[in-house]
Amino acid sequence: MSEVEFQIIKSIGFVIALVAVVGLQRLLPHAGQEGSWRLNGGLWALNAVILGIVCAGCACTVSRWAETEGFGLLNRLDMTNGWLAIPVAVFVLDGVSYFWHRANHRISLLWRFHQVHHSDPNFTATTAIRFHFGELLLALPVRLFAVAVMGVSIPGVIVFELIFAFANFFEHGDIDLPLDLERRLAFFFITPALHRRHHSLEAALLNSNYGTIFSFWDRIFRSFGGSGSDVQV
């Protein structure tokens, strides 16, 4: 698979995820917010251009290199084509994302960039694309390093990117899930109610619920801040 094909698949998945979550916002609205489409969309477009120039399809390139050189844990164990390879890749890369997100709140230099994301007065799907390009550029080598060290295959990278994109939009969605469904999902996954607390103006809640896909990272590493809709973002 070429870098261009990789980017096309990733872009299609991105659009489908955004449309799906916007649809859920219409069906199950929490506060009925529209979001800052113009500003956040503009930031996303700028970031897409910058990242495209700097390193379009880099994860695909690194994955191919690791496979060719036999580099990385999964390649060393000859597991890249096994049925466990993709779940392991998703699990590990989401764990890396958790620790990187936590670092963005703990290290002042990183927070200067990350606070752009938290400065959104609304909490909607468009918040998921509101980032300073500096944060994304700093995150890139961290993720590429994880792909190389784990020896994640190209299919593993693609599946992770698609799941991560949907999870990112979903957790920022202005969505009120039925209570029973919320409780069941929140046991394993990050839900809008969980992540809404992470965007709270209260410091104790702001520094909690760092996960993107799985909620158990927060439970294991004692940063779980519970769920609930009674917060000001």
C-alpha atoms as a PDB file:
ATOM      1  CA  MET A   1       0.000   0.000   0.000  1.00  0.00           C
ATOM      2  CA  SER A   2       1.345   3.415  -0.977  1.00  0.00           C
ATOM      3  CA  GLU A   3       1.357   6.515   1.213  1.00  0.00           C
ATOM      4  CA  VAL A   4      -1.251   8.081  -1.096  1.00  0.00           C
ATOM      5  CA  GLU A   5      -3.613   5.107  -0.714  1.00  0.00           C
ATOM      6  CA  PHE A   6      -3.048   5.226   3.041  1.00  0.00           C
ATOM      7  CA  GLN A   7      -4.002   8.910   3.157  1.00  0.00           C
ATOM      8  CA  ILE A   8      -7.096   8.343   0.998  1.00  0.00           C
ATOM      9  CA  ILE A   9      -8.389   5.569   3.274  1.00  0.00           C
ATOM     10  CA  LYS A  10      -7.640   7.660   6.362  1.00  0.00           C
ATOM     11  CA  SER A  11      -9.416  10.710   4.887  1.00  0.00           C
ATOM     12  CA  ILE A  12     -12.514   8.720   3.907  1.00  0.00           C
ATOM     13  CA  GLY A  13     -12.688   7.232   7.401  1.00  0.00           C
ATOM     14  CA  PHE A  14     -12.285  10.714   8.896  1.00  0.00           C
ATOM     15  CA  VAL A  15     -15.247  12.075   6.925  1.00  0.00           C
ATOM     16  CA  ILE A  16     -17.460   9.060   7.686  1.00  0.00           C
ATOM     17  CA  ALA A  17     -16.663   9.346  11.417  1.00  0.00           C
ATOM     18  CA  LEU A  18     -17.461  13.076  11.463  1.00  0.00           C
ATOM     19  CA  VAL A  19     -20.746  12.616   9.596  1.00  0.00           C
ATOM     20  CA  ALA A  20     -21.756   9.737  11.888  1.00  0.00           C
ATOM     21  CA  VAL A  21     -21.113  11.722  15.078  1.00  0.00           C
ATOM     22  CA  VAL A  22     -22.841  14.843  13.738  1.00  0.00           C
ATOM     23  CA  GLY A  23     -25.814  12.578  13.019  1.00  0.00           C
ATOM     24  CA  LEU A  24     -25.749  11.302  16.604  1.00  0.00           C
ATOM     25  CA  GLN A  25     -25.664  14.897  17.845  1.00  0.00           C
ATOM     26  CA  ARG A  26     -28.905  15.516  15.954  1.00  0.00           C
ATOM     27  CA  LEU A  27     -30.546  12.347  17.249  1.00  0.00           C
ATOM     28  CA  LEU A  28     -29.352  12.501  20.874  1.00  0.00           C
ATOM     29  CA  PRO A  29     -28.476  16.143  21.624  1.00  0.00           C
ATOM     30  CA  HIS A  30     -27.029  17.096  24.996  1.00  0.00           C
ATOM     31  CA  ALA A  31     -26.954  20.910  24.908  1.00  0.00           C
ATOM     32  CA  GLY A  32     -27.906  21.490  21.287  1.00  0.00           C
ATOM     33  CA  GLN A  33     -24.645  23.291  20.475  1.00  0.00           C
ATOM     34  CA  GLU A  34     -23.703  23.776  16.827  1.00  0.00           C
ATOM     35  CA  GLY A  35     -19.965  24.156  17.352  1.00  0.00           C
ATOM     36  CA  SER A  36     -17.430  26.508  15.789  1.00  0.00           C
ATOM     37  CA  TRP A  37     -17.398  25.046  12.289  1.00  0.00           C
ATOM     38  CA  ARG A  38     -15.631  27.974  10.627  1.00  0.00           C
ATOM     39  CA  LEU A  39     -12.837  28.472  13.180  1.00  0.00           C
ATOM     40  CA  ASN A  40     -12.250  24.813  14.021  1.00  0.00           C
ATOM     41  CA  GLY A  41     -12.561  23.788  10.393  1.00  0.00           C
ATOM     42  CA  GLY A  42     -10.036  26.457   9.458  1.00  0.00           C
ATOM     43  CA  LEU A  43      -7.582  25.163  12.054  1.00  0.00           C
ATOM     44  CA  TRP A  44      -8.056  21.631  10.744  1.00  0.00           C
ATOM     45  CA  ALA A  45      -7.400  22.740   7.149  1.00  0.00           C
ATOM     46  CA  LEU A  46      -4.239  24.582   8.200  1.00  0.00           C
ATOM     47  CA  ASN A  47      -3.018  21.569  10.156  1.00  0.00           C
ATOM     48  CA  ALA A  48      -3.785  19.221   7.260  1.00  0.00           C
ATOM     49  CA  VAL A  49      -1.654  21.329   4.918  1.00  0.00           C
ATOM     50  CA  ILE A  50       1.253  21.604   7.376  1.00  0.00           C
ATOM     51  CA  LEU A  51       1.261  17.908   8.273  1.00  0.00           C
ATOM     52  CA  GLY A  52       0.834  16.999   4.619  1.00  0.00           C
ATOM     53  CA  ILE A  53       3.952  18.971   3.749  1.00  0.00           C
ATOM     54  CA  VAL A  54       5.980  17.719   6.710  1.00  0.00           C
ATOM     55  CA  CYS A  55       5.084  14.055   6.749  1.00  0.00           C
ATOM     56  CA  ALA A  56       2.125  12.769   4.731  1.00  0.00           C
ATOM     57  CA  GLY A  57       1.734   9.021   5.239  1.00  0.00           C
ATOM     58  CA  CYS A  58       4.747   8.811   7.560  1.00  0.00           C
ATOM     59  CA  ALA A  59       3.176   6.077   9.689  1.00  0.00           C
ATOM     60  CA  CYS A  60       2.797   3.935   6.574  1.00  0.00           C
ATOM     61  CA  THR A  61       6.445   4.547   5.635  1.00  0.00           C
ATOM     62  CA  VAL A  62       7.723   3.716   9.135  1.00  0.00           C
ATOM     63  CA  SER A  63       5.591   0.567   9.293  1.00  0.00           C
ATOM     64  CA  ARG A  64       6.916  -0.638   5.947  1.00  0.00           C
ATOM     65  CA  TRP A  65      10.500   0.079   7.006  1.00  0.00           C
ATOM     66  CA  ALA A  66      10.060  -1.840  10.279  1.00  0.00           C
ATOM     67  CA  GLU A  67       8.633  -4.842   8.419  1.00  0.00           C
ATOM     68  CA  THR A  68      11.437  -4.816   5.829  1.00  0.00           C
ATOM     69  CA  GLU A  69      14.134  -4.562   8.501  1.00  0.00           C
ATOM     70  CA  GLY A  70      12.452  -6.982  10.895  1.00  0.00           C
ATOM     71  CA  PHE A  71      12.404  -4.192  13.471  1.00  0.00           C
ATOM     72  CA  GLY A  72       9.936  -3.950  16.340  1.00  0.00           C
ATOM     73  CA  LEU A  73       8.361  -6.375  18.792  1.00  0.00           C
ATOM     74  CA  LEU A  74       5.637  -7.788  16.542  1.00  0.00           C
ATOM     75  CA  ASN A  75       8.084  -8.303  13.683  1.00  0.00           C
ATOM     76  CA  ARG A  76      10.591  -9.979  16.008  1.00  0.00           C
ATOM     77  CA  LEU A  77       7.888 -12.326  17.255  1.00  0.00           C
ATOM     78  CA  ASP A  78       6.649 -12.877  13.693  1.00  0.00           C
ATOM     79  CA  MET A  79       3.162 -11.757  14.766  1.00  0.00           C
ATOM     80  CA  THR A  80       2.404  -9.050  12.192  1.00  0.00           C
ATOM     81  CA  ASN A  81       0.112 -11.338  10.188  1.00  0.00           C
ATOM     82  CA  GLY A  82      -1.466 -13.125  13.148  1.00  0.00           C
ATOM     83  CA  TRP A  83      -4.990 -12.463  14.383  1.00  0.00           C
ATOM     84  CA  LEU A  84      -3.658 -10.749  17.516  1.00  0.00           C
ATOM     85  CA  ALA A  85      -1.525  -8.212  15.647  1.00  0.00           C
ATOM     86  CA  ILE A  86      -4.222  -5.604  15.012  1.00  0.00           C
ATOM     87  CA  PRO A  87      -5.857  -5.707  18.486  1.00  0.00           C
ATOM     88  CA  VAL A  88      -2.397  -5.439  20.077  1.00  0.00           C
ATOM     89  CA  ALA A  89      -1.560  -2.481  17.834  1.00  0.00           C
ATOM     90  CA  VAL A  90      -4.785  -0.663  18.747  1.00  0.00           C
ATOM     91  CA  PHE A  91      -4.271  -1.409  22.445  1.00  0.00           C
ATOM     92  CA  VAL A  92      -0.652  -0.201  22.531  1.00  0.00           C
ATOM     93  CA  LEU A  93      -1.086   2.883  20.342  1.00  0.00           C
ATOM     94  CA  ASP A  94      -4.094   3.986  22.389  1.00  0.00           C
ATOM     95  CA  GLY A  95      -1.992   3.534  25.526  1.00  0.00           C
ATOM     96  CA  VAL A  96       0.716   5.741  24.031  1.00  0.00           C
ATOM     97  CA  SER A  97      -1.965   8.310  23.197  1.00  0.00           C
ATOM     98  CA  TYR A  98      -3.164   8.237  26.823  1.00  0.00           C
ATOM     99  CA  PHE A  99       0.296   8.980  28.223  1.00  0.00           C
ATOM    100  CA  TRP A 100       0.977  11.639  25.597  1.00  0.00           C
ATOM    101  CA  HIS A 101      -2.326  13.344  26.406  1.00  0.00           C
ATOM    102  CA  ARG A 102      -1.521  13.234  30.098  1.00  0.00           C
ATOM    103  CA  ALA A 103       1.901  14.752  29.413  1.00  0.00           C
ATOM    104  CA  ASN A 104       0.198  17.593  27.532  1.00  0.00           C
ATOM    105  CA  HIS A 105      -1.550  18.530  30.767  1.00  0.00           C
ATOM    106  CA  ARG A 106       1.485  18.080  33.024  1.00  0.00           C
ATOM    107  CA  ILE A 107       4.281  19.741  31.037  1.00  0.00           C
ATOM    108  CA  SER A 108       3.876  23.504  30.683  1.00  0.00           C
ATOM    109  CA  LEU A 109       5.427  23.733  27.208  1.00  0.00           C
ATOM    110  CA  LEU A 110       3.074  21.078  25.847  1.00  0.00           C
ATOM    111  CA  TRP A 111       0.101  22.657  27.614  1.00  0.00           C
ATOM    112  CA  ARG A 112       0.721  25.957  25.802  1.00  0.00           C
ATOM    113  CA  PHE A 113      -0.164  24.172  22.580  1.00  0.00           C
ATOM    114  CA  HIS A 114      -2.827  21.838  23.995  1.00  0.00           C
ATOM    115  CA  GLN A 115      -4.802  24.626  25.643  1.00  0.00           C
ATOM    116  CA  VAL A 116      -5.932  25.718  22.162  1.00  0.00           C
ATOM    117  CA  HIS A 117      -8.011  22.540  22.104  1.00  0.00           C
ATOM    118  CA  HIS A 118      -9.468  23.279  25.542  1.00  0.00           C
ATOM    119  CA  SER A 119     -10.238  26.914  24.692  1.00  0.00           C
ATOM    120  CA  ASP A 120     -13.286  25.959  22.631  1.00  0.00           C
ATOM    121  CA  PRO A 121     -16.331  27.508  24.382  1.00  0.00           C
ATOM    122  CA  ASN A 122     -18.454  24.717  22.922  1.00  0.00           C
ATOM    123  CA  PHE A 123     -18.176  20.954  23.266  1.00  0.00           C
ATOM    124  CA  THR A 124     -19.102  19.342  19.958  1.00  0.00           C
ATOM    125  CA  ALA A 125     -17.659  17.116  17.254  1.00  0.00           C
ATOM    126  CA  THR A 126     -15.812  20.133  15.830  1.00  0.00           C
ATOM    127  CA  THR A 127     -13.832  20.419  19.073  1.00  0.00           C
ATOM    128  CA  ALA A 128     -12.120  17.194  17.997  1.00  0.00           C
ATOM    129  CA  ILE A 129     -10.376  19.028  15.144  1.00  0.00           C
ATOM    130  CA  ARG A 130      -9.423  22.150  17.121  1.00  0.00           C
ATOM    131  CA  PHE A 131      -5.668  21.776  17.664  1.00  0.00           C
ATOM    132  CA  HIS A 132      -2.558  23.916  17.425  1.00  0.00           C
ATOM    133  CA  PHE A 133      -0.280  22.600  14.682  1.00  0.00           C
ATOM    134  CA  GLY A 134       2.591  22.667  17.185  1.00  0.00           C
ATOM    135  CA  GLU A 135       0.899  19.989  19.278  1.00  0.00           C
ATOM    136  CA  LEU A 136       0.350  17.766  16.254  1.00  0.00           C
ATOM    137  CA  LEU A 137       3.943  18.179  15.076  1.00  0.00           C
ATOM    138  CA  LEU A 138       5.255  17.242  18.528  1.00  0.00           C
ATOM    139  CA  ALA A 139       2.908  14.244  18.735  1.00  0.00           C
ATOM    140  CA  LEU A 140       3.988  12.888  15.344  1.00  0.00           C
ATOM    141  CA  PRO A 141       7.431  11.508  16.330  1.00  0.00           C
ATOM    142  CA  VAL A 142       5.938   9.991  19.487  1.00  0.00           C
ATOM    143  CA  ARG A 143       3.419   7.972  17.471  1.00  0.00           C
ATOM    144  CA  LEU A 144       5.958   7.052  14.786  1.00  0.00           C
ATOM    145  CA  PHE A 145       8.349   5.829  17.474  1.00  0.00           C
ATOM    146  CA  ALA A 146       5.594   3.631  18.921  1.00  0.00           C
ATOM    147  CA  VAL A 147       4.771   2.213  15.472  1.00  0.00           C
ATOM    148  CA  ALA A 148       8.440   1.372  14.895  1.00  0.00           C
ATOM    149  CA  VAL A 149       9.173  -0.098  18.340  1.00  0.00           C
ATOM    150  CA  MET A 150       6.044  -2.263  18.252  1.00  0.00           C
ATOM    151  CA  GLY A 151       6.525  -3.171  14.588  1.00  0.00           C
ATOM    152  CA  VAL A 152       2.898  -2.314  13.826  1.00  0.00           C
ATOM    153  CA  SER A 153       1.816  -3.489  10.373  1.00  0.00           C
ATOM    154  CA  ILE A 154       0.231  -1.149   7.839  1.00  0.00           C
ATOM    155  CA  PRO A 155      -3.219  -2.775   8.356  1.00  0.00           C
ATOM    156  CA  GLY A 156      -2.709  -2.280  12.103  1.00  0.00           C
ATOM    157  CA  VAL A 157      -1.917   1.400  11.610  1.00  0.00           C
ATOM    158  CA  ILE A 158      -4.962   1.887   9.372  1.00  0.00           C
ATOM    159  CA  VAL A 159      -7.373   0.147  11.762  1.00  0.00           C
ATOM    160  CA  PHE A 160      -6.024   2.182  14.681  1.00  0.00           C
ATOM    161  CA  GLU A 161      -6.283   5.470  12.769  1.00  0.00           C
ATOM    162  CA  LEU A 162      -9.901   4.746  11.779  1.00  0.00           C
ATOM    163  CA  ILE A 163     -10.984   3.697  15.276  1.00  0.00           C
ATOM    164  CA  PHE A 164      -9.087   6.610  16.819  1.00  0.00           C
ATOM    165  CA  ALA A 165     -10.752   9.099  14.458  1.00  0.00           C
ATOM    166  CA  PHE A 166     -14.242   7.873  15.328  1.00  0.00           C
ATOM    167  CA  ALA A 167     -13.439   7.742  19.065  1.00  0.00           C
ATOM    168  CA  ASN A 168     -12.064  11.284  18.954  1.00  0.00           C
ATOM    169  CA  PHE A 169     -15.195  12.670  17.292  1.00  0.00           C
ATOM    170  CA  PHE A 170     -17.513  10.554  19.448  1.00  0.00           C
ATOM    171  CA  GLU A 171     -16.024  11.563  22.802  1.00  0.00           C
ATOM    172  CA  HIS A 172     -16.342  15.245  21.837  1.00  0.00           C
ATOM    173  CA  GLY A 173     -19.892  14.834  20.585  1.00  0.00           C
ATOM    174  CA  ASP A 174     -22.702  16.955  22.024  1.00  0.00           C
ATOM    175  CA  ILE A 175     -24.486  13.684  22.729  1.00  0.00           C
ATOM    176  CA  ASP A 176     -26.654  12.452  25.590  1.00  0.00           C
ATOM    177  CA  LEU A 177     -26.623   8.656  25.535  1.00  0.00           C
ATOM    178  CA  PRO A 178     -29.361   6.676  27.301  1.00  0.00           C
ATOM    179  CA  LEU A 179     -28.191   6.143  30.885  1.00  0.00           C
ATOM    180  CA  ASP A 180     -27.940   2.352  30.694  1.00  0.00           C
ATOM    181  CA  LEU A 181     -25.991   2.483  27.427  1.00  0.00           C
ATOM    182  CA  GLU A 182     -23.729   5.185  28.872  1.00  0.00           C
ATOM    183  CA  ARG A 183     -22.865   3.033  31.880  1.00  0.00           C
ATOM    184  CA  ARG A 184     -22.155  -0.048  29.792  1.00  0.00           C
ATOM    185  CA  LEU A 185     -19.983   1.776  27.258  1.00  0.00           C
ATOM    186  CA  ALA A 186     -18.101   3.811  29.872  1.00  0.00           C
ATOM    187  CA  PHE A 187     -16.882   0.633  31.545  1.00  0.00           C
ATOM    188  CA  PHE A 188     -14.569  -0.031  28.579  1.00  0.00           C
ATOM    189  CA  PHE A 189     -14.684   3.029  26.331  1.00  0.00           C
ATOM    190  CA  ILE A 190     -14.469   6.807  26.593  1.00  0.00           C
ATOM    191  CA  THR A 191     -17.933   8.324  26.139  1.00  0.00           C
ATOM    192  CA  PRO A 192     -19.017  11.951  25.607  1.00  0.00           C
ATOM    193  CA  ALA A 193     -20.063  12.192  29.274  1.00  0.00           C
ATOM    194  CA  LEU A 194     -16.629  11.015  30.429  1.00  0.00           C
ATOM    195  CA  HIS A 195     -14.725  13.349  28.154  1.00  0.00           C
ATOM    196  CA  ARG A 196     -17.037  16.292  28.859  1.00  0.00           C
ATOM    197  CA  ARG A 197     -15.695  16.225  32.412  1.00  0.00           C
ATOM    198  CA  HIS A 198     -12.164  16.368  31.023  1.00  0.00           C
ATOM    199  CA  HIS A 199     -13.119  19.673  29.364  1.00  0.00           C
ATOM    200  CA  SER A 200     -14.471  21.065  32.635  1.00  0.00           C
ATOM    201  CA  LEU A 201     -13.287  24.416  33.980  1.00  0.00           C
ATOM    202  CA  GLU A 202     -12.591  22.666  37.307  1.00  0.00           C
ATOM    203  CA  ALA A 203      -8.899  21.733  37.599  1.00  0.00           C
ATOM    204  CA  ALA A 204      -9.602  18.408  39.313  1.00  0.00           C
ATOM    205  CA  LEU A 205     -11.805  17.283  36.433  1.00  0.00           C
ATOM    206  CA  LEU A 206      -9.644  18.879  33.742  1.00  0.00           C
ATOM    207  CA  ASN A 207      -6.792  16.616  34.845  1.00  0.00           C
ATOM    208  CA  SER A 208      -8.766  13.397  34.505  1.00  0.00           C
ATOM    209  CA  ASN A 209     -10.249  11.109  31.838  1.00  0.00           C
ATOM    210  CA  TYR A 210      -7.329  11.364  29.415  1.00  0.00           C
ATOM    211  CA  GLY A 211      -8.250   8.309  27.355  1.00  0.00           C
ATOM    212  CA  THR A 212      -9.403   8.426  23.750  1.00  0.00           C
ATOM    213  CA  ILE A 213     -10.580   4.907  22.909  1.00  0.00           C
ATOM    214  CA  PHE A 214     -10.412   2.875  26.128  1.00  0.00           C
ATOM    215  CA  SER A 215     -11.407   4.130  29.567  1.00  0.00           C
ATOM    216  CA  PHE A 216      -9.440   1.502  31.473  1.00  0.00           C
ATOM    217  CA  TRP A 217      -6.191   3.459  31.099  1.00  0.00           C
ATOM    218  CA  ASP A 218      -7.650   6.110  33.397  1.00  0.00           C
ATOM    219  CA  ARG A 219      -8.895   3.491  35.828  1.00  0.00           C
ATOM    220  CA  ILE A 220      -5.542   1.687  35.939  1.00  0.00           C
ATOM    221  CA  PHE A 221      -3.421   4.826  36.301  1.00  0.00           C
ATOM    222  CA  ARG A 222      -5.779   6.579  38.721  1.00  0.00           C
ATOM    223  CA  SER A 223      -6.855   9.470  36.543  1.00  0.00           C
ATOM    224  CA  PHE A 224     -10.482   8.395  36.194  1.00  0.00           C
ATOM    225  CA  GLY A 225     -12.789  11.313  36.913  1.00  0.00           C
ATOM    226  CA  GLY A 226     -16.160   9.616  36.544  1.00  0.00           C
ATOM    227  CA  SER A 227     -18.907  10.670  34.192  1.00  0.00           C
ATOM    228  CA  GLY A 228     -21.726  13.156  34.355  1.00  0.00           C
ATOM    229  CA  SER A 229     -23.300  16.022  32.483  1.00  0.00           C
ATOM    230  CA  ASP A 230     -23.358  18.568  35.318  1.00  0.00           C
ATOM    231  CA  VAL A 231     -20.107  20.300  34.368  1.00  0.00           C
ATOM    232  CA  GLN A 232     -19.262  23.658  32.846  1.00  0.00           C
ATOM    233  CA  VAL A 233     -16.933  23.449  29.847  1.00  0.00           C
END
